[in-house]
Amino acid sequence: MLAMQLLLRRLIEIAIEWNRRLDIARDPYRPELHYMRGPGPKWHAKHQRGAV
């Protein structure tokens, strides 16, 4: 009986971990796609040397 309880508990832990990993894999948010890559052309035009 104790062996069955331990086995069941371990199977539940495996199922929870598998579900957690699947949730991470399905997450559509990819922050690396939204990072700024530096000043753009409008910033450069505004901040040119000698511009007033």
PDB file of N, CA and C in Angstrom:
ATOM      1  N   MET A   1       0.828  -1.198   0.000  1.00  0.00           N
ATOM      2  CA  MET A   1       0.000   0.000   0.000  1.00  0.00           C
ATOM      3  C   MET A   1       0.871   1.259   0.000  1.00  0.00           C
ATOM      4  N   LEU A   2       1.917   1.274   0.812  1.00  0.00           N
ATOM      5  CA  LEU A   2       2.814   2.419   0.884  1.00  0.00           C
ATOM      6  C   LEU A   2       3.552   2.611  -0.432  1.00  0.00           C
ATOM      7  N   ALA A   3       3.932   1.512  -1.063  1.00  0.00           N
ATOM      8  CA  ALA A   3       4.619   1.601  -2.350  1.00  0.00           C
ATOM      9  C   ALA A   3       3.711   2.205  -3.418  1.00  0.00           C
ATOM     10  N   MET A   4       2.440   1.871  -3.379  1.00  0.00           N
ATOM     11  CA  MET A   4       1.490   2.431  -4.342  1.00  0.00           C
ATOM     12  C   MET A   4       1.313   3.936  -4.118  1.00  0.00           C
ATOM     13  N   GLN A   5       1.270   4.345  -2.852  1.00  0.00           N
ATOM     14  CA  GLN A   5       1.129   5.773  -2.542  1.00  0.00           C
ATOM     15  C   GLN A   5       2.360   6.541  -3.013  1.00  0.00           C
ATOM     16  N   LEU A   6       3.541   5.986  -2.795  1.00  0.00           N
ATOM     17  CA  LEU A   6       4.769   6.639  -3.235  1.00  0.00           C
ATOM     18  C   LEU A   6       4.825   6.720  -4.760  1.00  0.00           C
ATOM     19  N   LEU A   7       4.427   5.650  -5.415  1.00  0.00           N
ATOM     20  CA  LEU A   7       4.402   5.644  -6.870  1.00  0.00           C
ATOM     21  C   LEU A   7       3.415   6.681  -7.406  1.00  0.00           C
ATOM     22  N   LEU A   8       2.224   6.733  -6.817  1.00  0.00           N
ATOM     23  CA  LEU A   8       1.215   7.697  -7.235  1.00  0.00           C
ATOM     24  C   LEU A   8       1.704   9.128  -7.011  1.00  0.00           C
ATOM     25  N   ARG A   9       2.314   9.376  -5.872  1.00  0.00           N
ATOM     26  CA  ARG A   9       2.843  10.705  -5.580  1.00  0.00           C
ATOM     27  C   ARG A   9       3.908  11.098  -6.600  1.00  0.00           C
ATOM     28  N   ARG A  10       4.784  10.157  -6.943  1.00  0.00           N
ATOM     29  CA  ARG A  10       5.846  10.438  -7.918  1.00  0.00           C
ATOM     30  C   ARG A  10       5.257  10.700  -9.311  1.00  0.00           C
ATOM     31  N   LEU A  11       4.247   9.937  -9.688  1.00  0.00           N
ATOM     32  CA  LEU A  11       3.595  10.158 -10.987  1.00  0.00           C
ATOM     33  C   LEU A  11       2.921  11.532 -11.053  1.00  0.00           C
ATOM     34  N   ILE A  12       2.323  11.956  -9.946  1.00  0.00           N
ATOM     35  CA  ILE A  12       1.703  13.278  -9.895  1.00  0.00           C
ATOM     36  C   ILE A  12       2.767  14.356 -10.013  1.00  0.00           C
ATOM     37  N   GLU A  13       3.900  14.199  -9.332  1.00  0.00           N
ATOM     38  CA  GLU A  13       4.994  15.166  -9.421  1.00  0.00           C
ATOM     39  C   GLU A  13       5.522  15.268 -10.854  1.00  0.00           C
ATOM     40  N   ILE A  14       5.647  14.127 -11.512  1.00  0.00           N
ATOM     41  CA  ILE A  14       6.109  14.117 -12.908  1.00  0.00           C
ATOM     42  C   ILE A  14       5.102  14.830 -13.794  1.00  0.00           C
ATOM     43  N   ALA A  15       3.813  14.584 -13.590  1.00  0.00           N
ATOM     44  CA  ALA A  15       2.769  15.217 -14.400  1.00  0.00           C
ATOM     45  C   ALA A  15       2.770  16.727 -14.184  1.00  0.00           C
ATOM     46  N   ILE A  16       2.953  17.171 -12.958  1.00  0.00           N
ATOM     47  CA  ILE A  16       2.989  18.605 -12.668  1.00  0.00           C
ATOM     48  C   ILE A  16       4.189  19.251 -13.341  1.00  0.00           C
ATOM     49  N   GLU A  17       5.353  18.618 -13.264  1.00  0.00           N
ATOM     50  CA  GLU A  17       6.557  19.152 -13.892  1.00  0.00           C
ATOM     51  C   GLU A  17       6.408  19.186 -15.410  1.00  0.00           C
ATOM     52  N   TRP A  18       5.857  18.171 -15.987  1.00  0.00           N
ATOM     53  CA  TRP A  18       5.651  18.116 -17.444  1.00  0.00           C
ATOM     54  C   TRP A  18       4.704  19.236 -17.880  1.00  0.00           C
ATOM     55  N   ASN A  19       3.636  19.429 -17.114  1.00  0.00           N
ATOM     56  CA  ASN A  19       2.674  20.483 -17.426  1.00  0.00           C
ATOM     57  C   ASN A  19       3.337  21.860 -17.312  1.00  0.00           C
ATOM     58  N   ARG A  20       4.177  22.068 -16.323  1.00  0.00           N
ATOM     59  CA  ARG A  20       4.880  23.338 -16.150  1.00  0.00           C
ATOM     60  C   ARG A  20       5.787  23.609 -17.347  1.00  0.00           C
ATOM     61  N   ARG A  21       6.502  22.599 -17.792  1.00  0.00           N
ATOM     62  CA  ARG A  21       7.398  22.764 -18.946  1.00  0.00           C
ATOM     63  C   ARG A  21       6.619  23.044 -20.224  1.00  0.00           C
ATOM     64  N   LEU A  22       5.484  22.397 -20.397  1.00  0.00           N
ATOM     65  CA  LEU A  22       4.650  22.670 -21.570  1.00  0.00           C
ATOM     66  C   LEU A  22       4.123  24.096 -21.549  1.00  0.00           C
ATOM     67  N   ASP A  23       3.737  24.589 -20.374  1.00  0.00           N
ATOM     68  CA  ASP A  23       3.266  25.970 -20.263  1.00  0.00           C
ATOM     69  C   ASP A  23       4.369  26.951 -20.655  1.00  0.00           C
ATOM     70  N   ILE A  24       5.588  26.680 -20.246  1.00  0.00           N
ATOM     71  CA  ILE A  24       6.715  27.539 -20.605  1.00  0.00           C
ATOM     72  C   ILE A  24       6.944  27.498 -22.114  1.00  0.00           C
ATOM     73  N   ALA A  25       6.860  26.318 -22.708  1.00  0.00           N
ATOM     74  CA  ALA A  25       7.098  26.179 -24.145  1.00  0.00           C
ATOM     75  C   ALA A  25       6.007  26.859 -24.972  1.00  0.00           C
ATOM     76  N   ARG A  26       4.771  26.903 -24.464  1.00  0.00           N
ATOM     77  CA  ARG A  26       3.661  27.506 -25.195  1.00  0.00           C
ATOM     78  C   ARG A  26       3.581  29.016 -25.034  1.00  0.00           C
ATOM     79  N   ASP A  27       4.354  29.588 -24.111  1.00  0.00           N
ATOM     80  CA  ASP A  27       4.274  31.019 -23.820  1.00  0.00           C
ATOM     81  C   ASP A  27       4.703  31.828 -25.045  1.00  0.00           C
ATOM     82  N   PRO A  28       3.797  32.625 -25.633  1.00  0.00           N
ATOM     83  CA  PRO A  28       4.133  33.353 -26.854  1.00  0.00           C
ATOM     84  C   PRO A  28       4.983  34.600 -26.611  1.00  0.00           C
ATOM     85  N   TYR A  29       5.085  35.073 -25.363  1.00  0.00           N
ATOM     86  CA  TYR A  29       5.827  36.302 -25.095  1.00  0.00           C
ATOM     87  C   TYR A  29       7.323  36.050 -25.220  1.00  0.00           C
ATOM     88  N   ARG A  30       7.977  36.811 -26.093  1.00  0.00           N
ATOM     89  CA  ARG A  30       9.420  36.694 -26.288  1.00  0.00           C
ATOM     90  C   ARG A  30      10.026  38.073 -26.108  1.00  0.00           C
ATOM     91  N   PRO A  31      10.494  38.406 -24.915  1.00  0.00           N
ATOM     92  CA  PRO A  31      10.953  39.774 -24.650  1.00  0.00           C
ATOM     93  C   PRO A  31      12.115  40.199 -25.532  1.00  0.00           C
ATOM     94  N   GLU A  32      12.922  39.281 -26.008  1.00  0.00           N
ATOM     95  CA  GLU A  32      14.057  39.672 -26.846  1.00  0.00           C
ATOM     96  C   GLU A  32      13.600  40.304 -28.154  1.00  0.00           C
ATOM     97  N   LEU A  33      12.350  40.088 -28.540  1.00  0.00           N
ATOM     98  CA  LEU A  33      11.823  40.695 -29.754  1.00  0.00           C
ATOM     99  C   LEU A  33      11.377  42.142 -29.538  1.00  0.00           C
ATOM    100  N   HIS A  34      11.282  42.556 -28.269  1.00  0.00           N
ATOM    101  CA  HIS A  34      10.749  43.874 -27.960  1.00  0.00           C
ATOM    102  C   HIS A  34      11.800  44.830 -27.414  1.00  0.00           C
ATOM    103  N   TYR A  35      13.020  44.393 -27.265  1.00  0.00           N
ATOM    104  CA  TYR A  35      14.057  45.270 -26.728  1.00  0.00           C
ATOM    105  C   TYR A  35      14.431  46.330 -27.753  1.00  0.00           C
ATOM    106  N   MET A  36      14.705  47.537 -27.257  1.00  0.00           N
ATOM    107  CA  MET A  36      15.186  48.593 -28.152  1.00  0.00           C
ATOM    108  C   MET A  36      16.622  48.273 -28.548  1.00  0.00           C
ATOM    109  N   ARG A  37      16.972  48.636 -29.742  1.00  0.00           N
ATOM    110  CA  ARG A  37      18.306  48.347 -30.247  1.00  0.00           C
ATOM    111  C   ARG A  37      19.146  49.611 -30.379  1.00  0.00           C
ATOM    112  N   GLY A  38      18.734  50.677 -29.733  1.00  0.00           N
ATOM    113  CA  GLY A  38      19.498  51.914 -29.780  1.00  0.00           C
ATOM    114  C   GLY A  38      18.705  53.022 -30.448  1.00  0.00           C
ATOM    115  N   PRO A  39      19.277  54.231 -30.485  1.00  0.00           N
ATOM    116  CA  PRO A  39      18.575  55.362 -31.069  1.00  0.00           C
ATOM    117  C   PRO A  39      18.323  55.157 -32.566  1.00  0.00           C
ATOM    118  N   GLY A  40      17.176  55.630 -33.004  1.00  0.00           N
ATOM    119  CA  GLY A  40      16.813  55.495 -34.404  1.00  0.00           C
ATOM    120  C   GLY A  40      17.151  56.744 -35.203  1.00  0.00           C
ATOM    121  N   PRO A  41      16.742  56.786 -36.462  1.00  0.00           N
ATOM    122  CA  PRO A  41      17.088  57.899 -37.334  1.00  0.00           C
ATOM    123  C   PRO A  41      16.501  59.233 -36.880  1.00  0.00           C
ATOM    124  N   LYS A  42      15.312  59.240 -36.276  1.00  0.00           N
ATOM    125  CA  LYS A  42      14.729  60.497 -35.801  1.00  0.00           C
ATOM    126  C   LYS A  42      15.561  61.074 -34.659  1.00  0.00           C
ATOM    127  N   TRP A  43      16.026  60.227 -33.771  1.00  0.00           N
ATOM    128  CA  TRP A  43      16.872  60.704 -32.672  1.00  0.00           C
ATOM    129  C   TRP A  43      18.168  61.282 -33.224  1.00  0.00           C
ATOM    130  N   HIS A  44      18.773  60.595 -34.173  1.00  0.00           N
ATOM    131  CA  HIS A  44      20.030  61.068 -34.755  1.00  0.00           C
ATOM    132  C   HIS A  44      19.828  62.408 -35.471  1.00  0.00           C
ATOM    133  N   ALA A  45      18.717  62.569 -36.186  1.00  0.00           N
ATOM    134  CA  ALA A  45      18.453  63.825 -36.884  1.00  0.00           C
ATOM    135  C   ALA A  45      18.269  64.971 -35.888  1.00  0.00           C
ATOM    136  N   LYS A  46      17.633  64.696 -34.781  1.00  0.00           N
ATOM    137  CA  LYS A  46      17.373  65.721 -33.777  1.00  0.00           C
ATOM    138  C   LYS A  46      18.653  66.113 -33.026  1.00  0.00           C
ATOM    139  N   HIS A  47      19.553  65.169 -32.832  1.00  0.00           N
ATOM    140  CA  HIS A  47      20.737  65.391 -31.995  1.00  0.00           C
ATOM    141  C   HIS A  47      22.032  65.515 -32.806  1.00  0.00           C
ATOM    142  N   GLN A  48      21.929  65.926 -34.024  1.00  0.00           N
ATOM    143  CA  GLN A  48      23.153  66.103 -34.825  1.00  0.00           C
ATOM    144  C   GLN A  48      23.981  67.238 -34.238  1.00  0.00           C
ATOM    145  N   ARG A  49      25.278  67.144 -34.415  1.00  0.00           N
ATOM    146  CA  ARG A  49      26.138  68.225 -33.952  1.00  0.00           C
ATOM    147  C   ARG A  49      25.843  69.485 -34.747  1.00  0.00           C
ATOM    148  N   GLY A  50      25.782  70.628 -34.027  1.00  0.00           N
ATOM    149  CA  GLY A  50      25.540  71.900 -34.667  1.00  0.00           C
ATOM    150  C   GLY A  50      24.077  72.211 -34.900  1.00  0.00           C
ATOM    151  N   ALA A  51      23.179  71.249 -34.626  1.00  0.00           N
ATOM    152  CA  ALA A  51      21.743  71.502 -34.790  1.00  0.00           C
ATOM    153  C   ALA A  51      21.238  72.344 -33.626  1.00  0.00           C
ATOM    154  N   VAL A  52      20.388  73.292 -33.903  1.00  0.00           N
ATOM    155  CA  VAL A  52      19.862  74.172 -32.840  1.00  0.00           C
ATOM    156  C   VAL A  52      18.380  73.941 -32.672  1.00  0.00           C
TER     157      VAL A  52
END
